[in-house]
Amino acid sequence: MELGKRTSFTAAEVTSLQTSLARLGFTEGQITAMQESVLKFAAAVGTDLASAAAFSGAALRSFGLKASDSQDLLNLMAASCSKSALSFSKLQTSISVVGPVANAFGLSARDTVAMLGILSNAGFDASSAATWKTASSASAHALAGSGCCNCL
């Protein structure tokens, strides 16, 4: 429980992070690899460790990423929350809807999060932004696949 000693989080909170990731099927090694970045992410976005861990694990899986990608993904998401109108709550809602669809259409986490930040800055609420992003991705993919629009 060294992390509980050298962070603002308690050992019990760090345990909740580990438990949340274990419930998502991450191994002990993966949890160890992820926990430092989850701690930093939770502090950056102002949420509890269990919520940050559950979100982090789900986001990694949504984009088909590995535990070793957690630092890059969470740094991206924390930056988006601090540099746009996208809050952790909005991000959490949006990624759960749009993440798997964006990944299925080959969109990166970076592009998806950037688009969600832009939509949030334009006043879209999280649910509407996720729905719009999902629908537009599906439409663009269908058009590009049919050959009727070469500009995509």
N, C-alpha and C. Protein backbone atom coordinates (compact mmCIF):
# COMPACT_ATOMS: atom_id res chain seq x y z
N MET A 1 0.81 -1.21 0.00
CA MET A 1 0.00 0.00 0.00
C MET A 1 0.85 1.26 0.00
N GLU A 2 1.99 1.18 -0.61
CA GLU A 2 2.90 2.32 -0.71
C GLU A 2 2.20 3.52 -1.35
N LEU A 3 1.35 3.28 -2.34
CA LEU A 3 0.67 4.38 -3.02
C LEU A 3 -0.22 5.15 -2.06
N GLY A 4 -0.82 4.46 -1.10
CA GLY A 4 -1.65 5.14 -0.12
C GLY A 4 -0.85 6.05 0.79
N LYS A 5 0.45 5.76 0.93
CA LYS A 5 1.32 6.59 1.78
C LYS A 5 1.83 7.83 1.07
N ARG A 6 2.05 7.73 -0.25
CA ARG A 6 2.70 8.85 -0.95
C ARG A 6 1.77 9.62 -1.88
N THR A 7 0.48 9.46 -1.71
CA THR A 7 -0.49 10.24 -2.48
C THR A 7 -1.51 10.84 -1.52
N SER A 8 -2.40 11.63 -2.07
CA SER A 8 -3.46 12.21 -1.23
C SER A 8 -4.56 11.20 -0.95
N PHE A 9 -4.48 10.03 -1.57
CA PHE A 9 -5.49 9.00 -1.39
C PHE A 9 -5.08 8.05 -0.27
N THR A 10 -6.06 7.50 0.40
CA THR A 10 -5.79 6.56 1.49
C THR A 10 -5.54 5.16 0.94
N ALA A 11 -5.01 4.30 1.77
CA ALA A 11 -4.79 2.91 1.39
C ALA A 11 -6.12 2.24 1.03
N ALA A 12 -7.17 2.58 1.76
CA ALA A 12 -8.49 2.00 1.46
C ALA A 12 -8.98 2.46 0.08
N GLU A 13 -8.72 3.70 -0.28
CA GLU A 13 -9.12 4.19 -1.60
C GLU A 13 -8.32 3.50 -2.70
N VAL A 14 -7.03 3.28 -2.46
CA VAL A 14 -6.20 2.57 -3.44
C VAL A 14 -6.71 1.14 -3.60
N THR A 15 -7.13 0.54 -2.51
CA THR A 15 -7.70 -0.80 -2.57
C THR A 15 -8.98 -0.80 -3.40
N SER A 16 -9.79 0.25 -3.30
CA SER A 16 -11.02 0.33 -4.10
C SER A 16 -10.69 0.45 -5.59
N LEU A 17 -9.61 1.14 -5.92
CA LEU A 17 -9.14 1.23 -7.30
C LEU A 17 -8.78 -0.17 -7.80
N GLN A 18 -8.01 -0.88 -7.01
CA GLN A 18 -7.58 -2.23 -7.40
C GLN A 18 -8.77 -3.17 -7.54
N THR A 19 -9.71 -3.07 -6.63
CA THR A 19 -10.90 -3.92 -6.68
C THR A 19 -11.74 -3.61 -7.91
N SER A 20 -11.89 -2.34 -8.22
CA SER A 20 -12.67 -1.96 -9.42
C SER A 20 -12.04 -2.52 -10.69
N LEU A 21 -10.73 -2.45 -10.80
CA LEU A 21 -10.05 -2.98 -11.98
C LEU A 21 -10.13 -4.51 -12.02
N ALA A 22 -10.01 -5.15 -10.87
CA ALA A 22 -10.10 -6.61 -10.81
C ALA A 22 -11.49 -7.07 -11.25
N ARG A 23 -12.52 -6.34 -10.87
CA ARG A 23 -13.89 -6.69 -11.27
C ARG A 23 -14.09 -6.59 -12.77
N LEU A 24 -13.27 -5.78 -13.41
CA LEU A 24 -13.33 -5.65 -14.87
C LEU A 24 -12.48 -6.71 -15.56
N GLY A 25 -11.86 -7.57 -14.78
CA GLY A 25 -11.10 -8.67 -15.35
C GLY A 25 -9.62 -8.41 -15.57
N PHE A 26 -9.11 -7.32 -15.05
CA PHE A 26 -7.69 -7.05 -15.19
C PHE A 26 -6.90 -7.92 -14.21
N THR A 27 -5.74 -8.36 -14.64
CA THR A 27 -4.89 -9.21 -13.81
C THR A 27 -4.12 -8.34 -12.81
N GLU A 28 -3.50 -9.01 -11.85
CA GLU A 28 -2.71 -8.29 -10.85
C GLU A 28 -1.61 -7.46 -11.50
N GLY A 29 -0.94 -8.03 -12.49
CA GLY A 29 0.12 -7.30 -13.20
C GLY A 29 -0.41 -6.09 -13.95
N GLN A 30 -1.57 -6.25 -14.58
CA GLN A 30 -2.18 -5.12 -15.30
C GLN A 30 -2.61 -4.03 -14.33
N ILE A 31 -3.16 -4.44 -13.20
CA ILE A 31 -3.59 -3.47 -12.19
C ILE A 31 -2.39 -2.68 -11.68
N THR A 32 -1.31 -3.38 -11.41
CA THR A 32 -0.09 -2.71 -10.95
C THR A 32 0.40 -1.71 -11.99
N ALA A 33 0.35 -2.10 -13.27
CA ALA A 33 0.79 -1.22 -14.35
C ALA A 33 -0.10 0.00 -14.50
N MET A 34 -1.38 -0.13 -14.16
CA MET A 34 -2.35 0.95 -14.38
C MET A 34 -2.52 1.89 -13.20
N GLN A 35 -2.28 1.42 -11.99
CA GLN A 35 -2.75 2.17 -10.83
C GLN A 35 -2.13 3.56 -10.68
N GLU A 36 -0.88 3.74 -11.02
CA GLU A 36 -0.26 5.07 -10.91
C GLU A 36 -0.97 6.07 -11.82
N SER A 37 -1.25 5.67 -13.06
CA SER A 37 -1.92 6.59 -13.99
C SER A 37 -3.36 6.84 -13.58
N VAL A 38 -4.02 5.84 -13.00
CA VAL A 38 -5.39 6.04 -12.52
C VAL A 38 -5.40 7.00 -11.33
N LEU A 39 -4.42 6.87 -10.44
CA LEU A 39 -4.31 7.81 -9.31
C LEU A 39 -4.18 9.25 -9.80
N LYS A 40 -3.29 9.46 -10.75
CA LYS A 40 -3.06 10.80 -11.29
C LYS A 40 -4.30 11.33 -12.01
N PHE A 41 -4.95 10.45 -12.76
CA PHE A 41 -6.16 10.84 -13.48
C PHE A 41 -7.25 11.26 -12.50
N ALA A 42 -7.48 10.45 -11.47
CA ALA A 42 -8.52 10.77 -10.48
C ALA A 42 -8.25 12.13 -9.83
N ALA A 43 -7.00 12.39 -9.49
CA ALA A 43 -6.65 13.68 -8.88
C ALA A 43 -6.87 14.82 -9.87
N ALA A 44 -6.52 14.59 -11.14
CA ALA A 44 -6.65 15.64 -12.16
C ALA A 44 -8.10 16.01 -12.44
N VAL A 45 -8.99 15.02 -12.45
CA VAL A 45 -10.38 15.30 -12.79
C VAL A 45 -11.27 15.43 -11.56
N GLY A 46 -10.70 15.23 -10.38
CA GLY A 46 -11.45 15.44 -9.14
C GLY A 46 -12.51 14.39 -8.86
N THR A 47 -12.18 13.13 -9.07
CA THR A 47 -13.14 12.08 -8.77
C THR A 47 -12.50 11.06 -7.83
N ASP A 48 -13.31 10.14 -7.35
CA ASP A 48 -12.80 9.11 -6.45
C ASP A 48 -12.09 8.02 -7.26
N LEU A 49 -11.26 7.26 -6.58
CA LEU A 49 -10.45 6.25 -7.26
C LEU A 49 -11.28 5.11 -7.86
N ALA A 50 -12.31 4.68 -7.17
CA ALA A 50 -13.13 3.59 -7.70
C ALA A 50 -13.78 4.01 -9.02
N SER A 51 -14.31 5.21 -9.08
CA SER A 51 -14.94 5.71 -10.32
C SER A 51 -13.90 5.89 -11.42
N ALA A 52 -12.75 6.44 -11.06
CA ALA A 52 -11.68 6.63 -12.05
C ALA A 52 -11.20 5.29 -12.60
N ALA A 53 -11.09 4.30 -11.72
CA ALA A 53 -10.63 2.97 -12.15
C ALA A 53 -11.65 2.30 -13.05
N ALA A 54 -12.91 2.34 -12.66
CA ALA A 54 -13.97 1.73 -13.48
C ALA A 54 -14.02 2.39 -14.86
N PHE A 55 -13.95 3.71 -14.89
CA PHE A 55 -13.96 4.43 -16.15
C PHE A 55 -12.72 4.08 -16.98
N SER A 56 -11.57 4.08 -16.35
CA SER A 56 -10.31 3.82 -17.06
C SER A 56 -10.31 2.44 -17.71
N GLY A 57 -10.72 1.45 -16.93
CA GLY A 57 -10.77 0.10 -17.47
C GLY A 57 -11.75 -0.02 -18.63
N ALA A 58 -12.92 0.57 -18.47
CA ALA A 58 -13.93 0.51 -19.53
C ALA A 58 -13.46 1.27 -20.78
N ALA A 59 -12.81 2.41 -20.58
CA ALA A 59 -12.32 3.20 -21.72
C ALA A 59 -11.23 2.44 -22.48
N LEU A 60 -10.32 1.82 -21.75
CA LEU A 60 -9.29 1.01 -22.41
C LEU A 60 -9.92 -0.08 -23.26
N ARG A 61 -10.88 -0.76 -22.68
CA ARG A 61 -11.53 -1.86 -23.40
C ARG A 61 -12.35 -1.33 -24.58
N SER A 62 -12.98 -0.17 -24.41
CA SER A 62 -13.78 0.41 -25.50
C SER A 62 -12.96 0.65 -26.76
N PHE A 63 -11.71 1.08 -26.55
CA PHE A 63 -10.85 1.40 -27.69
C PHE A 63 -9.88 0.26 -28.03
N GLY A 64 -10.06 -0.89 -27.39
CA GLY A 64 -9.20 -2.03 -27.70
C GLY A 64 -7.76 -1.83 -27.29
N LEU A 65 -7.55 -1.05 -26.23
CA LEU A 65 -6.19 -0.75 -25.77
C LEU A 65 -5.77 -1.69 -24.64
N LYS A 66 -4.49 -1.69 -24.36
CA LYS A 66 -3.92 -2.54 -23.32
C LYS A 66 -3.71 -1.74 -22.04
N ALA A 67 -3.52 -2.45 -20.94
CA ALA A 67 -3.24 -1.80 -19.66
C ALA A 67 -2.02 -0.89 -19.77
N SER A 68 -1.05 -1.29 -20.56
CA SER A 68 0.16 -0.48 -20.73
C SER A 68 -0.11 0.85 -21.46
N ASP A 69 -1.29 0.98 -22.07
CA ASP A 69 -1.68 2.23 -22.74
C ASP A 69 -2.39 3.20 -21.80
N SER A 70 -2.60 2.79 -20.56
CA SER A 70 -3.43 3.59 -19.66
C SER A 70 -2.88 4.99 -19.41
N GLN A 71 -1.58 5.13 -19.26
CA GLN A 71 -1.02 6.45 -18.99
C GLN A 71 -1.31 7.41 -20.13
N ASP A 72 -1.05 7.00 -21.37
CA ASP A 72 -1.31 7.87 -22.52
C ASP A 72 -2.79 8.21 -22.65
N LEU A 73 -3.64 7.20 -22.51
CA LEU A 73 -5.08 7.43 -22.63
C LEU A 73 -5.59 8.36 -21.54
N LEU A 74 -5.18 8.12 -20.30
CA LEU A 74 -5.69 8.93 -19.20
C LEU A 74 -5.11 10.34 -19.21
N ASN A 75 -3.87 10.50 -19.67
CA ASN A 75 -3.31 11.85 -19.83
C ASN A 75 -4.12 12.63 -20.87
N LEU A 76 -4.46 11.96 -21.96
CA LEU A 76 -5.27 12.57 -23.02
C LEU A 76 -6.63 13.01 -22.46
N MET A 77 -7.27 12.13 -21.73
CA MET A 77 -8.60 12.43 -21.21
C MET A 77 -8.57 13.50 -20.13
N ALA A 78 -7.55 13.48 -19.28
CA ALA A 78 -7.42 14.52 -18.25
C ALA A 78 -7.19 15.88 -18.91
N ALA A 79 -6.35 15.90 -19.93
CA ALA A 79 -6.08 17.16 -20.65
C ALA A 79 -7.35 17.68 -21.31
N SER A 80 -8.12 16.79 -21.88
CA SER A 80 -9.37 17.21 -22.52
C SER A 80 -10.34 17.80 -21.50
N CYS A 81 -10.39 17.20 -20.32
CA CYS A 81 -11.28 17.73 -19.27
C CYS A 81 -10.81 19.09 -18.76
N SER A 82 -9.50 19.32 -18.79
CA SER A 82 -9.00 20.60 -18.27
C SER A 82 -8.96 21.70 -19.32
N LYS A 83 -9.00 21.33 -20.61
CA LYS A 83 -8.86 22.32 -21.68
C LYS A 83 -10.12 22.52 -22.49
N SER A 84 -11.23 21.94 -22.04
CA SER A 84 -12.49 22.12 -22.75
C SER A 84 -13.63 22.12 -21.73
N ALA A 85 -14.82 22.22 -22.22
CA ALA A 85 -16.00 22.19 -21.34
C ALA A 85 -16.37 20.77 -20.96
N LEU A 86 -15.58 19.81 -21.38
CA LEU A 86 -15.82 18.40 -21.09
C LEU A 86 -15.41 18.10 -19.65
N SER A 87 -16.37 17.72 -18.83
CA SER A 87 -16.07 17.34 -17.45
C SER A 87 -15.90 15.83 -17.38
N PHE A 88 -15.42 15.34 -16.24
CA PHE A 88 -15.30 13.89 -16.07
C PHE A 88 -16.66 13.23 -16.24
N SER A 89 -17.68 13.81 -15.67
CA SER A 89 -19.02 13.24 -15.77
C SER A 89 -19.48 13.15 -17.22
N LYS A 90 -19.26 14.21 -17.98
CA LYS A 90 -19.64 14.21 -19.39
C LYS A 90 -18.81 13.19 -20.18
N LEU A 91 -17.53 13.14 -19.88
CA LEU A 91 -16.65 12.20 -20.55
C LEU A 91 -17.07 10.76 -20.25
N GLN A 92 -17.37 10.50 -19.01
CA GLN A 92 -17.80 9.17 -18.57
C GLN A 92 -19.06 8.73 -19.32
N THR A 93 -20.02 9.63 -19.41
CA THR A 93 -21.26 9.33 -20.13
C THR A 93 -21.02 9.13 -21.62
N SER A 94 -20.23 10.00 -22.20
CA SER A 94 -20.00 9.95 -23.65
C SER A 94 -19.19 8.74 -24.07
N ILE A 95 -18.11 8.45 -23.37
CA ILE A 95 -17.24 7.34 -23.77
C ILE A 95 -17.97 6.01 -23.69
N SER A 96 -18.85 5.87 -22.71
CA SER A 96 -19.57 4.60 -22.59
C SER A 96 -20.47 4.35 -23.80
N VAL A 97 -20.93 5.41 -24.43
CA VAL A 97 -21.79 5.27 -25.61
C VAL A 97 -20.98 5.23 -26.90
N VAL A 98 -20.05 6.14 -27.04
CA VAL A 98 -19.39 6.32 -28.33
C VAL A 98 -18.08 5.54 -28.45
N GLY A 99 -17.42 5.20 -27.36
CA GLY A 99 -16.12 4.53 -27.43
C GLY A 99 -16.10 3.27 -28.26
N PRO A 100 -16.96 2.30 -27.95
CA PRO A 100 -16.94 1.06 -28.73
C PRO A 100 -17.28 1.26 -30.21
N VAL A 101 -18.19 2.18 -30.49
CA VAL A 101 -18.59 2.45 -31.88
C VAL A 101 -17.44 3.13 -32.63
N ALA A 102 -16.84 4.11 -31.99
CA ALA A 102 -15.71 4.80 -32.62
C ALA A 102 -14.59 3.81 -32.92
N ASN A 103 -14.30 2.94 -31.97
CA ASN A 103 -13.26 1.94 -32.17
C ASN A 103 -13.62 0.99 -33.32
N ALA A 104 -14.88 0.60 -33.39
CA ALA A 104 -15.31 -0.30 -34.46
C ALA A 104 -15.14 0.33 -35.84
N PHE A 105 -15.24 1.66 -35.92
CA PHE A 105 -15.07 2.36 -37.18
C PHE A 105 -13.64 2.84 -37.40
N GLY A 106 -12.73 2.43 -36.51
CA GLY A 106 -11.33 2.75 -36.69
C GLY A 106 -10.91 4.13 -36.21
N LEU A 107 -11.76 4.79 -35.44
CA LEU A 107 -11.40 6.10 -34.91
C LEU A 107 -10.56 5.93 -33.65
N SER A 108 -9.53 6.71 -33.51
CA SER A 108 -8.66 6.61 -32.35
C SER A 108 -9.31 7.26 -31.13
N ALA A 109 -8.80 6.90 -29.98
CA ALA A 109 -9.25 7.53 -28.74
C ALA A 109 -8.97 9.03 -28.80
N ARG A 110 -7.81 9.40 -29.32
CA ARG A 110 -7.43 10.82 -29.42
C ARG A 110 -8.45 11.60 -30.25
N ASP A 111 -8.80 11.11 -31.42
CA ASP A 111 -9.76 11.80 -32.28
C ASP A 111 -11.14 11.84 -31.65
N THR A 112 -11.53 10.75 -31.02
CA THR A 112 -12.85 10.68 -30.39
C THR A 112 -12.97 11.66 -29.24
N VAL A 113 -11.97 11.68 -28.37
CA VAL A 113 -11.99 12.59 -27.22
C VAL A 113 -11.92 14.05 -27.68
N ALA A 114 -11.12 14.32 -28.71
CA ALA A 114 -11.05 15.68 -29.25
C ALA A 114 -12.42 16.13 -29.76
N MET A 115 -13.10 15.24 -30.49
CA MET A 115 -14.43 15.58 -31.00
C MET A 115 -15.42 15.81 -29.86
N LEU A 116 -15.35 14.98 -28.83
CA LEU A 116 -16.24 15.18 -27.68
C LEU A 116 -15.97 16.52 -26.99
N GLY A 117 -14.70 16.91 -26.91
CA GLY A 117 -14.36 18.21 -26.34
C GLY A 117 -14.92 19.36 -27.17
N ILE A 118 -14.80 19.25 -28.48
CA ILE A 118 -15.33 20.28 -29.39
C ILE A 118 -16.85 20.37 -29.26
N LEU A 119 -17.51 19.22 -29.23
CA LEU A 119 -18.97 19.23 -29.09
C LEU A 119 -19.39 19.79 -27.74
N SER A 120 -18.65 19.47 -26.70
CA SER A 120 -18.97 20.00 -25.37
C SER A 120 -18.78 21.51 -25.34
N ASN A 121 -17.73 22.00 -25.99
CA ASN A 121 -17.50 23.45 -26.06
C ASN A 121 -18.63 24.15 -26.82
N ALA A 122 -19.25 23.45 -27.75
CA ALA A 122 -20.35 24.02 -28.53
C ALA A 122 -21.69 23.93 -27.81
N GLY A 123 -21.67 23.35 -26.60
CA GLY A 123 -22.88 23.31 -25.80
C GLY A 123 -23.65 22.01 -25.84
N PHE A 124 -23.16 21.02 -26.57
CA PHE A 124 -23.83 19.72 -26.57
C PHE A 124 -23.70 19.10 -25.19
N ASP A 125 -24.77 18.51 -24.70
CA ASP A 125 -24.63 17.76 -23.45
C ASP A 125 -24.01 16.42 -23.80
N ALA A 126 -23.57 15.69 -22.80
CA ALA A 126 -22.81 14.46 -23.02
C ALA A 126 -23.59 13.43 -23.82
N SER A 127 -24.83 13.24 -23.48
CA SER A 127 -25.64 12.24 -24.16
C SER A 127 -25.86 12.61 -25.62
N SER A 128 -26.18 13.87 -25.87
CA SER A 128 -26.39 14.32 -27.24
C SER A 128 -25.10 14.25 -28.05
N ALA A 129 -23.99 14.63 -27.45
CA ALA A 129 -22.70 14.57 -28.14
C ALA A 129 -22.36 13.14 -28.50
N ALA A 130 -22.57 12.23 -27.58
CA ALA A 130 -22.26 10.82 -27.84
C ALA A 130 -23.17 10.27 -28.94
N THR A 131 -24.44 10.60 -28.88
CA THR A 131 -25.38 10.13 -29.89
C THR A 131 -25.03 10.69 -31.26
N TRP A 132 -24.72 11.99 -31.31
CA TRP A 132 -24.35 12.61 -32.58
C TRP A 132 -23.08 11.99 -33.12
N LYS A 133 -22.08 11.81 -32.28
CA LYS A 133 -20.80 11.25 -32.73
C LYS A 133 -20.99 9.83 -33.24
N THR A 134 -21.78 9.04 -32.54
CA THR A 134 -22.03 7.67 -32.95
C THR A 134 -22.75 7.63 -34.30
N ALA A 135 -23.79 8.44 -34.43
CA ALA A 135 -24.56 8.46 -35.68
C ALA A 135 -23.72 8.98 -36.84
N SER A 136 -22.94 10.02 -36.62
CA SER A 136 -22.14 10.58 -37.71
C SER A 136 -21.04 9.62 -38.13
N SER A 137 -20.46 8.90 -37.17
CA SER A 137 -19.43 7.91 -37.50
C SER A 137 -20.03 6.78 -38.34
N ALA A 138 -21.20 6.32 -37.95
CA ALA A 138 -21.86 5.25 -38.69
C ALA A 138 -22.21 5.71 -40.10
N SER A 139 -22.72 6.92 -40.22
CA SER A 139 -23.09 7.45 -41.54
C SER A 139 -21.87 7.63 -42.42
N ALA A 140 -20.81 8.18 -41.86
CA ALA A 140 -19.59 8.40 -42.64
C ALA A 140 -19.00 7.07 -43.09
N HIS A 141 -19.02 6.10 -42.22
CA HIS A 141 -18.49 4.78 -42.56
C HIS A 141 -19.33 4.13 -43.68
N ALA A 142 -20.62 4.25 -43.58
CA ALA A 142 -21.50 3.66 -44.59
C ALA A 142 -21.29 4.34 -45.94
N LEU A 143 -21.17 5.67 -45.93
CA LEU A 143 -20.96 6.40 -47.17
C LEU A 143 -19.61 6.07 -47.79
N ALA A 144 -18.59 6.04 -46.98
CA ALA A 144 -17.26 5.75 -47.49
C ALA A 144 -17.18 4.33 -48.04
N GLY A 145 -17.83 3.40 -47.34
CA GLY A 145 -17.81 2.01 -47.78
C GLY A 145 -18.59 1.78 -49.05
N SER A 146 -19.58 2.62 -49.30
CA SER A 146 -20.39 2.42 -50.50
C SER A 146 -19.77 3.08 -51.72
N GLY A 147 -18.75 3.90 -51.50
CA GLY A 147 -18.08 4.56 -52.61
C GLY A 147 -18.81 5.77 -53.11
N CYS A 148 -19.89 6.19 -52.44
CA CYS A 148 -20.65 7.33 -52.95
C CYS A 148 -20.06 8.67 -52.51
N CYS A 149 -19.09 8.62 -51.64
CA CYS A 149 -18.48 9.88 -51.20
C CYS A 149 -17.00 9.65 -50.99
N ASN A 150 -16.20 10.15 -51.87
CA ASN A 150 -14.75 9.96 -51.79
C ASN A 150 -14.06 11.00 -50.94
N CYS A 151 -14.83 11.94 -50.40
CA CYS A 151 -14.21 13.00 -49.61
C CYS A 151 -14.01 12.62 -48.17
N LEU A 152 -14.52 11.49 -47.72
CA LEU A 152 -14.42 11.09 -46.31
C LEU A 152 -13.10 10.48 -46.01
